PDB file of N, CA and C in Angstrom:
ATOM      1  N   MET A   1       0.847  -1.180   0.000  1.00  0.00           N
ATOM      2  CA  MET A   1       0.000   0.000   0.000  1.00  0.00           C
ATOM      3  C   MET A   1       0.884   1.233   0.000  1.00  0.00           C
ATOM      4  N   HIS A   2       0.670   2.123  -0.914  1.00  0.00           N
ATOM      5  CA  HIS A   2       1.450   3.349  -1.010  1.00  0.00           C
ATOM      6  C   HIS A   2       0.691   4.504  -0.370  1.00  0.00           C
ATOM      7  N   ALA A   3       1.444   5.395   0.298  1.00  0.00           N
ATOM      8  CA  ALA A   3       0.830   6.583   0.896  1.00  0.00           C
ATOM      9  C   ALA A   3       0.432   7.550  -0.208  1.00  0.00           C
ATOM     10  N   ALA A   4      -0.645   8.259  -0.004  1.00  0.00           N
ATOM     11  CA  ALA A   4      -1.094   9.241  -0.983  1.00  0.00           C
ATOM     12  C   ALA A   4      -0.139  10.419  -1.009  1.00  0.00           C
ATOM     13  N   ILE A   5       0.175  10.883  -2.204  1.00  0.00           N
ATOM     14  CA  ILE A   5       1.071  12.024  -2.373  1.00  0.00           C
ATOM     15  C   ILE A   5       0.296  13.120  -3.075  1.00  0.00           C
ATOM     16  N   SER A   6       0.388  14.335  -2.557  1.00  0.00           N
ATOM     17  CA  SER A   6      -0.244  15.474  -3.213  1.00  0.00           C
ATOM     18  C   SER A   6       0.823  16.508  -3.530  1.00  0.00           C
ATOM     19  N   PHE A   7       0.638  17.242  -4.603  1.00  0.00           N
ATOM     20  CA  PHE A   7       1.588  18.257  -5.020  1.00  0.00           C
ATOM     21  C   PHE A   7       0.996  19.634  -4.778  1.00  0.00           C
ATOM     22  N   THR A   8       1.750  20.486  -4.098  1.00  0.00           N
ATOM     23  CA  THR A   8       1.293  21.812  -3.720  1.00  0.00           C
ATOM     24  C   THR A   8       2.455  22.779  -3.815  1.00  0.00           C
ATOM     25  N   THR A   9       2.171  24.055  -4.026  1.00  0.00           N
ATOM     26  CA  THR A   9       3.213  25.075  -4.035  1.00  0.00           C
ATOM     27  C   THR A   9       2.879  26.142  -3.009  1.00  0.00           C
ATOM     28  N   TYR A  10       3.855  26.467  -2.165  1.00  0.00           N
ATOM     29  CA  TYR A  10       3.741  27.526  -1.177  1.00  0.00           C
ATOM     30  C   TYR A  10       4.898  28.485  -1.409  1.00  0.00           C
ATOM     31  N   PRO A  11       4.702  29.575  -2.180  1.00  0.00           N
ATOM     32  CA  PRO A  11       5.809  30.466  -2.529  1.00  0.00           C
ATOM     33  C   PRO A  11       6.581  31.007  -1.334  1.00  0.00           C
ATOM     34  N   SER A  12       5.933  31.278  -0.216  1.00  0.00           N
ATOM     35  CA  SER A  12       6.629  31.861   0.925  1.00  0.00           C
ATOM     36  C   SER A  12       7.530  30.859   1.633  1.00  0.00           C
ATOM     37  N   LYS A  13       7.363  29.582   1.396  1.00  0.00           N
ATOM     38  CA  LYS A  13       8.153  28.560   2.080  1.00  0.00           C
ATOM     39  C   LYS A  13       9.211  27.939   1.184  1.00  0.00           C
ATOM     40  N   GLY A  14       9.405  28.425  -0.016  1.00  0.00           N
ATOM     41  CA  GLY A  14      10.391  27.839  -0.909  1.00  0.00           C
ATOM     42  C   GLY A  14       9.757  26.747  -1.750  1.00  0.00           C
ATOM     43  N   PRO A  15      10.581  26.076  -2.552  1.00  0.00           N
ATOM     44  CA  PRO A  15      10.032  25.069  -3.463  1.00  0.00           C
ATOM     45  C   PRO A  15       9.579  23.821  -2.724  1.00  0.00           C
ATOM     46  N   LEU A  16       8.302  23.563  -2.765  1.00  0.00           N
ATOM     47  CA  LEU A  16       7.729  22.369  -2.148  1.00  0.00           C
ATOM     48  C   LEU A  16       7.379  21.421  -3.277  1.00  0.00           C
ATOM     49  N   MET A  17       7.916  20.213  -3.221  1.00  0.00           N
ATOM     50  CA  MET A  17       7.745  19.299  -4.337  1.00  0.00           C
ATOM     51  C   MET A  17       6.569  18.349  -4.150  1.00  0.00           C
ATOM     52  N   ALA A  18       6.422  17.786  -2.975  1.00  0.00           N
ATOM     53  CA  ALA A  18       5.329  16.847  -2.725  1.00  0.00           C
ATOM     54  C   ALA A  18       5.147  16.698  -1.227  1.00  0.00           C
ATOM     55  N   THR A  19       3.950  16.322  -0.824  1.00  0.00           N
ATOM     56  CA  THR A  19       3.713  16.103   0.597  1.00  0.00           C
ATOM     57  C   THR A  19       3.247  14.680   0.819  1.00  0.00           C
ATOM     58  N   ARG A  20       3.611  14.140   1.962  1.00  0.00           N
ATOM     59  CA  ARG A  20       3.200  12.799   2.371  1.00  0.00           C
ATOM     60  C   ARG A  20       2.794  12.918   3.827  1.00  0.00           C
ATOM     61  N   GLY A  21       1.510  13.020   4.101  1.00  0.00           N
ATOM     62  CA  GLY A  21       1.067  13.220   5.478  1.00  0.00           C
ATOM     63  C   GLY A  21       1.491  14.592   5.956  1.00  0.00           C
ATOM     64  N   ASN A  22       2.177  14.654   7.111  1.00  0.00           N
ATOM     65  CA  ASN A  22       2.623  15.930   7.668  1.00  0.00           C
ATOM     66  C   ASN A  22       4.010  16.329   7.194  1.00  0.00           C
ATOM     67  N   ASN A  23       4.725  15.449   6.497  1.00  0.00           N
ATOM     68  CA  ASN A  23       6.075  15.741   6.031  1.00  0.00           C
ATOM     69  C   ASN A  23       6.040  16.231   4.592  1.00  0.00           C
ATOM     70  N   ALA A  24       7.032  17.018   4.212  1.00  0.00           N
ATOM     71  CA  ALA A  24       7.103  17.569   2.868  1.00  0.00           C
ATOM     72  C   ALA A  24       8.431  17.207   2.234  1.00  0.00           C
ATOM     73  N   TYR A  25       8.394  16.766   0.981  1.00  0.00           N
ATOM     74  CA  TYR A  25       9.617  16.488   0.238  1.00  0.00           C
ATOM     75  C   TYR A  25      10.098  17.811  -0.338  1.00  0.00           C
ATOM     76  N   ARG A  26      11.341  18.155  -0.050  1.00  0.00           N
ATOM     77  CA  ARG A  26      11.864  19.453  -0.468  1.00  0.00           C
ATOM     78  C   ARG A  26      13.211  19.335  -1.141  1.00  0.00           C
ATOM     79  N   ARG A  27      13.501  20.332  -1.962  1.00  0.00           N
ATOM     80  CA  ARG A  27      14.837  20.554  -2.525  1.00  0.00           C
ATOM     81  C   ARG A  27      15.285  21.913  -2.002  1.00  0.00           C
ATOM     82  N   LEU A  28      16.417  21.927  -1.299  1.00  0.00           N
ATOM     83  CA  LEU A  28      16.935  23.147  -0.691  1.00  0.00           C
ATOM     84  C   LEU A  28      18.379  23.363  -1.115  1.00  0.00           C
ATOM     85  N   THR A  29      18.811  24.612  -1.100  1.00  0.00           N
ATOM     86  CA  THR A  29      20.208  24.932  -1.393  1.00  0.00           C
ATOM     87  C   THR A  29      20.805  25.694  -0.227  1.00  0.00           C
ATOM     88  N   GLY A  30      22.107  25.581  -0.088  1.00  0.00           N
ATOM     89  CA  GLY A  30      22.811  26.289   0.972  1.00  0.00           C
ATOM     90  C   GLY A  30      24.225  25.769   1.107  1.00  0.00           C
ATOM     91  N   ARG A  31      24.844  26.087   2.226  1.00  0.00           N
ATOM     92  CA  ARG A  31      26.213  25.656   2.504  1.00  0.00           C
ATOM     93  C   ARG A  31      26.166  24.587   3.587  1.00  0.00           C
ATOM     94  N   LEU A  32      26.830  23.459   3.316  1.00  0.00           N
ATOM     95  CA  LEU A  32      26.857  22.362   4.275  1.00  0.00           C
ATOM     96  C   LEU A  32      27.898  22.643   5.344  1.00  0.00           C
ATOM     97  N   ARG A  33      27.513  22.460   6.593  1.00  0.00           N
ATOM     98  CA  ARG A  33      28.408  22.630   7.744  1.00  0.00           C
ATOM     99  C   ARG A  33      28.377  21.347   8.565  1.00  0.00           C
ATOM    100  N   LEU A  34      29.562  20.823   8.876  1.00  0.00           N
ATOM    101  CA  LEU A  34      29.651  19.671   9.773  1.00  0.00           C
ATOM    102  C   LEU A  34      30.066  20.174  11.137  1.00  0.00           C
ATOM    103  N   ASN A  35      29.324  19.741  12.158  1.00  0.00           N
ATOM    104  CA  ASN A  35      29.589  20.159  13.524  1.00  0.00           C
ATOM    105  C   ASN A  35      29.588  18.907  14.390  1.00  0.00           C
ATOM    106  N   GLY A  36      30.755  18.307  14.558  1.00  0.00           N
ATOM    107  CA  GLY A  36      30.801  17.052  15.309  1.00  0.00           C
ATOM    108  C   GLY A  36      30.067  15.966  14.561  1.00  0.00           C
ATOM    109  N   ARG A  37      29.016  15.425  15.166  1.00  0.00           N
ATOM    110  CA  ARG A  37      28.240  14.361  14.527  1.00  0.00           C
ATOM    111  C   ARG A  37      27.077  14.895  13.709  1.00  0.00           C
ATOM    112  N   SER A  38      26.832  16.195  13.749  1.00  0.00           N
ATOM    113  CA  SER A  38      25.676  16.770  13.061  1.00  0.00           C
ATOM    114  C   SER A  38      26.078  17.426  11.746  1.00  0.00           C
ATOM    115  N   ALA A  39      25.252  17.212  10.737  1.00  0.00           N
ATOM    116  CA  ALA A  39      25.399  17.913   9.465  1.00  0.00           C
ATOM    117  C   ALA A  39      24.270  18.930   9.386  1.00  0.00           C
ATOM    118  N   MET A  40      24.609  20.159   8.986  1.00  0.00           N
ATOM    119  CA  MET A  40      23.613  21.218   8.894  1.00  0.00           C
ATOM    120  C   MET A  40      23.720  21.907   7.545  1.00  0.00           C
ATOM    121  N   LEU A  41      22.590  22.342   7.042  1.00  0.00           N
ATOM    122  CA  LEU A  41      22.538  23.154   5.844  1.00  0.00           C
ATOM    123  C   LEU A  41      22.230  24.574   6.282  1.00  0.00           C
ATOM    124  N   GLU A  42      23.104  25.519   5.922  1.00  0.00           N
ATOM    125  CA  GLU A  42      22.862  26.931   6.210  1.00  0.00           C
ATOM    126  C   GLU A  42      22.335  27.561   4.934  1.00  0.00           C
ATOM    127  N   THR A  43      21.075  28.001   4.959  1.00  0.00           N
ATOM    128  CA  THR A  43      20.442  28.561   3.770  1.00  0.00           C
ATOM    129  C   THR A  43      20.829  30.024   3.585  1.00  0.00           C
ATOM    130  N   ALA A  44      20.493  30.581   2.431  1.00  0.00           N
ATOM    131  CA  ALA A  44      20.774  31.991   2.147  1.00  0.00           C
ATOM    132  C   ALA A  44      20.062  32.902   3.140  1.00  0.00           C
ATOM    133  N   GLU A  45      18.947  32.435   3.707  1.00  0.00           N
ATOM    134  CA  GLU A  45      18.188  33.202   4.698  1.00  0.00           C
ATOM    135  C   GLU A  45      18.761  33.016   6.100  1.00  0.00           C
ATOM    136  N   GLU A  46      19.937  32.366   6.203  1.00  0.00           N
ATOM    137  CA  GLU A  46      20.631  32.088   7.460  1.00  0.00           C
ATOM    138  C   GLU A  46      19.829  31.170   8.382  1.00  0.00           C
ATOM    139  N   LYS A  47      19.000  30.335   7.805  1.00  0.00           N
ATOM    140  CA  LYS A  47      18.265  29.326   8.565  1.00  0.00           C
ATOM    141  C   LYS A  47      19.092  28.044   8.573  1.00  0.00           C
ATOM    142  N   LEU A  48      19.126  27.355   9.712  1.00  0.00           N
ATOM    143  CA  LEU A  48      19.848  26.091   9.818  1.00  0.00           C
ATOM    144  C   LEU A  48      18.870  24.930   9.729  1.00  0.00           C
ATOM    145  N   ILE A  49      19.156  24.008   8.819  1.00  0.00           N
ATOM    146  CA  ILE A  49      18.370  22.794   8.657  1.00  0.00           C
ATOM    147  C   ILE A  49      19.287  21.626   9.004  1.00  0.00           C
ATOM    148  N   TYR A  50      18.900  20.833   9.995  1.00  0.00           N
ATOM    149  CA  TYR A  50      19.691  19.669  10.394  1.00  0.00           C
ATOM    150  C   TYR A  50      19.412  18.523   9.430  1.00  0.00           C
ATOM    151  N   LEU A  51      20.477  17.896   8.935  1.00  0.00           N
ATOM    152  CA  LEU A  51      20.359  16.810   7.974  1.00  0.00           C
ATOM    153  C   LEU A  51      20.562  15.474   8.684  1.00  0.00           C
ATOM    154  N   THR A  52      19.642  14.550   8.469  1.00  0.00           N
ATOM    155  CA  THR A  52      19.799  13.216   9.032  1.00  0.00           C
ATOM    156  C   THR A  52      20.109  12.243   7.900  1.00  0.00           C
ATOM    157  N   THR A  53      21.223  11.528   8.052  1.00  0.00           N
ATOM    158  CA  THR A  53      21.666  10.558   7.058  1.00  0.00           C
ATOM    159  C   THR A  53      22.698   9.639   7.682  1.00  0.00           C
ATOM    160  N   SER A  54      22.857   8.468   7.105  1.00  0.00           N
ATOM    161  CA  SER A  54      23.920   7.566   7.548  1.00  0.00           C
ATOM    162  C   SER A  54      25.159   7.715   6.663  1.00  0.00           C
ATOM    163  N   ASP A  55      25.069   8.547   5.630  1.00  0.00           N
ATOM    164  CA  ASP A  55      26.188   8.765   4.711  1.00  0.00           C
ATOM    165  C   ASP A  55      27.237   9.686   5.316  1.00  0.00           C
ATOM    166  N   ASP A  56      28.483   9.521   4.891  1.00  0.00           N
ATOM    167  CA  ASP A  56      29.576  10.399   5.289  1.00  0.00           C
ATOM    168  C   ASP A  56      29.546  11.623   4.377  1.00  0.00           C
ATOM    169  N   LEU A  57      29.311  12.799   4.941  1.00  0.00           N
ATOM    170  CA  LEU A  57      29.196  14.028   4.154  1.00  0.00           C
ATOM    171  C   LEU A  57      30.458  14.884   4.214  1.00  0.00           C
ATOM    172  N   ALA A  58      31.570  14.331   4.689  1.00  0.00           N
ATOM    173  CA  ALA A  58      32.806  15.101   4.865  1.00  0.00           C
ATOM    174  C   ALA A  58      33.275  15.763   3.569  1.00  0.00           C
ATOM    175  N   ASP A  59      33.069  15.121   2.423  1.00  0.00           N
ATOM    176  CA  ASP A  59      33.498  15.705   1.144  1.00  0.00           C
ATOM    177  C   ASP A  59      32.729  16.979   0.796  1.00  0.00           C
ATOM    178  N   PHE A  60      31.566  17.189   1.402  1.00  0.00           N
ATOM    179  CA  PHE A  60      30.735  18.358   1.110  1.00  0.00           C
ATOM    180  C   PHE A  60      30.892  19.477   2.139  1.00  0.00           C
ATOM    181  N   ASP A  61      31.676  19.249   3.196  1.00  0.00           N
ATOM    182  CA  ASP A  61      31.816  20.237   4.278  1.00  0.00           C
ATOM    183  C   ASP A  61      32.311  21.574   3.739  1.00  0.00           C
ATOM    184  N   GLY A  62      31.559  22.636   4.004  1.00  0.00           N
ATOM    185  CA  GLY A  62      31.912  23.979   3.568  1.00  0.00           C
ATOM    186  C   GLY A  62      31.514  24.306   2.143  1.00  0.00           C
ATOM    187  N   CYS A  63      30.929  23.359   1.430  1.00  0.00           N
ATOM    188  CA  CYS A  63      30.570  23.552   0.021  1.00  0.00           C
ATOM    189  C   CYS A  63      29.122  24.010  -0.138  1.00  0.00           C
ATOM    190  N   ALA A  64      28.869  24.716  -1.239  1.00  0.00           N
ATOM    191  CA  ALA A  64      27.503  25.054  -1.626  1.00  0.00           C
ATOM    192  C   ALA A  64      26.881  23.796  -2.220  1.00  0.00           C
ATOM    193  N   VAL A  65      25.735  23.385  -1.678  1.00  0.00           N
ATOM    194  CA  VAL A  65      25.109  22.128  -2.088  1.00  0.00           C
ATOM    195  C   VAL A  65      23.618  22.303  -2.351  1.00  0.00           C
ATOM    196  N   ILE A  66      23.072  21.312  -3.017  1.00  0.00           N
ATOM    197  CA  ILE A  66      21.632  21.144  -3.186  1.00  0.00           C
ATOM    198  C   ILE A  66      21.288  19.839  -2.485  1.00  0.00           C
ATOM    199  N   VAL A  67      20.259  19.851  -1.652  1.00  0.00           N
ATOM    200  CA  VAL A  67      19.843  18.641  -0.946  1.00  0.00           C
ATOM    201  C   VAL A  67      18.367  18.379  -1.211  1.00  0.00           C
ATOM    202  N   GLU A  68      17.990  17.115  -1.140  1.00  0.00           N
ATOM    203  CA  GLU A  68      16.591  16.717  -1.254  1.00  0.00           C
ATOM    204  C   GLU A  68      16.272  15.730  -0.147  1.00  0.00           C
ATOM    205  N   GLY A  69      15.045  15.803   0.339  1.00  0.00           N
ATOM    206  CA  GLY A  69      14.605  14.861   1.353  1.00  0.00           C
ATOM    207  C   GLY A  69      13.299  15.292   1.978  1.00  0.00           C
ATOM    208  N   GLU A  70      12.874  14.531   2.983  1.00  0.00           N
ATOM    209  CA  GLU A  70      11.626  14.836   3.687  1.00  0.00           C
ATOM    210  C   GLU A  70      11.895  15.760   4.853  1.00  0.00           C
ATOM    211  N   LEU A  71      11.218  16.900   4.859  1.00  0.00           N
ATOM    212  CA  LEU A  71      11.344  17.898   5.915  1.00  0.00           C
ATOM    213  C   LEU A  71      10.328  17.590   7.005  1.00  0.00           C
ATOM    214  N   SER A  72      10.797  17.575   8.255  1.00  0.00           N
ATOM    215  CA  SER A  72       9.881  17.369   9.377  1.00  0.00           C
ATOM    216  C   SER A  72      10.254  18.321  10.500  1.00  0.00           C
ATOM    217  N   GLY A  73       9.258  18.825  11.167  1.00  0.00           N
ATOM    218  CA  GLY A  73       9.498  19.724  12.287  1.00  0.00           C
ATOM    219  C   GLY A  73      10.030  21.083  11.888  1.00  0.00           C
ATOM    220  N   GLY A  74      10.112  21.370  10.619  1.00  0.00           N
ATOM    221  CA  GLY A  74      10.559  22.686  10.171  1.00  0.00           C
ATOM    222  C   GLY A  74      12.063  22.876  10.123  1.00  0.00           C
ATOM    223  N   ASP A  75      12.833  22.030  10.840  1.00  0.00           N
ATOM    224  CA  ASP A  75      14.285  22.241  10.835  1.00  0.00           C
ATOM    225  C   ASP A  75      15.075  20.939  10.708  1.00  0.00           C
ATOM    226  N   ARG A  76      14.440  19.862  10.272  1.00  0.00           N
ATOM    227  CA  ARG A  76      15.133  18.576  10.142  1.00  0.00           C
ATOM    228  C   ARG A  76      14.766  17.951   8.800  1.00  0.00           C
ATOM    229  N   LEU A  77      15.791  17.611   8.019  1.00  0.00           N
ATOM    230  CA  LEU A  77      15.587  17.020   6.703  1.00  0.00           C
ATOM    231  C   LEU A  77      16.204  15.628   6.683  1.00  0.00           C
ATOM    232  N   SER A  78      15.387  14.635   6.373  1.00  0.00           N
ATOM    233  CA  SER A  78      15.881  13.273   6.192  1.00  0.00           C
ATOM    234  C   SER A  78      16.422  13.196   4.766  1.00  0.00           C
ATOM    235  N   LEU A  79      17.730  13.196   4.639  1.00  0.00           N
ATOM    236  CA  LEU A  79      18.413  13.361   3.357  1.00  0.00           C
ATOM    237  C   LEU A  79      18.254  12.139   2.463  1.00  0.00           C
ATOM    238  N   THR A  80      17.815  12.375   1.219  1.00  0.00           N
ATOM    239  CA  THR A  80      17.757  11.303   0.231  1.00  0.00           C
ATOM    240  C   THR A  80      18.726  11.545  -0.917  1.00  0.00           C
ATOM    241  N   TRP A  81      19.165  12.797  -1.125  1.00  0.00           N
ATOM    242  CA  TRP A  81      20.083  13.122  -2.215  1.00  0.00           C
ATOM    243  C   TRP A  81      20.842  14.392  -1.866  1.00  0.00           C
ATOM    244  N   ILE A  82      22.124  14.452  -2.261  1.00  0.00           N
ATOM    245  CA  ILE A  82      22.936  15.656  -2.097  1.00  0.00           C
ATOM    246  C   ILE A  82      23.858  15.786  -3.299  1.00  0.00           C
ATOM    247  N   GLY A  83      24.085  17.012  -3.741  1.00  0.00           N
ATOM    248  CA  GLY A  83      25.006  17.285  -4.840  1.00  0.00           C
ATOM    249  C   GLY A  83      25.550  18.689  -4.712  1.00  0.00           C
ATOM    250  N   LEU A  84      26.666  18.950  -5.397  1.00  0.00           N
ATOM    251  CA  LEU A  84      27.242  20.290  -5.388  1.00  0.00           C
ATOM    252  C   LEU A  84      26.352  21.234  -6.179  1.00  0.00           C
ATOM    253  N   ALA A  85      26.196  22.457  -5.682  1.00  0.00           N
ATOM    254  CA  ALA A  85      25.419  23.472  -6.392  1.00  0.00           C
ATOM    255  C   ALA A  85      26.228  23.927  -7.601  1.00  0.00           C
ATOM    256  N   GLY A  86      25.560  24.213  -8.705  1.00  0.00           N
ATOM    257  CA  GLY A  86      26.232  24.640  -9.930  1.00  0.00           C
ATOM    258  C   GLY A  86      26.971  25.946  -9.755  1.00  0.00           C
ATOM    259  N   ALA A  87      28.043  26.084 -10.501  1.00  0.00           N
ATOM    260  CA  ALA A  87      28.867  27.299 -10.419  1.00  0.00           C
ATOM    261  C   ALA A  87      28.285  28.396 -11.264  1.00  0.00           C
TER     262      ALA A  87
END
């Protein structure tokens, strides 16, 4: 059984790609910061989004990146994809 997915756009909250229940699948850009065991995305609006993943993100530390994943609680993203932001 698959969960129902709906597509919605909220311009004030950035690009929202799809929702599943209370969580939203998002694509965000910013600078990746590693702080001990935590990975954080610092957005252009100076908002910190904590990234949850089992992957080693050391190669992206300090780099401008694009991330995708499910956003929950407004400040936590379960990471499904990461890549360097285009130059």
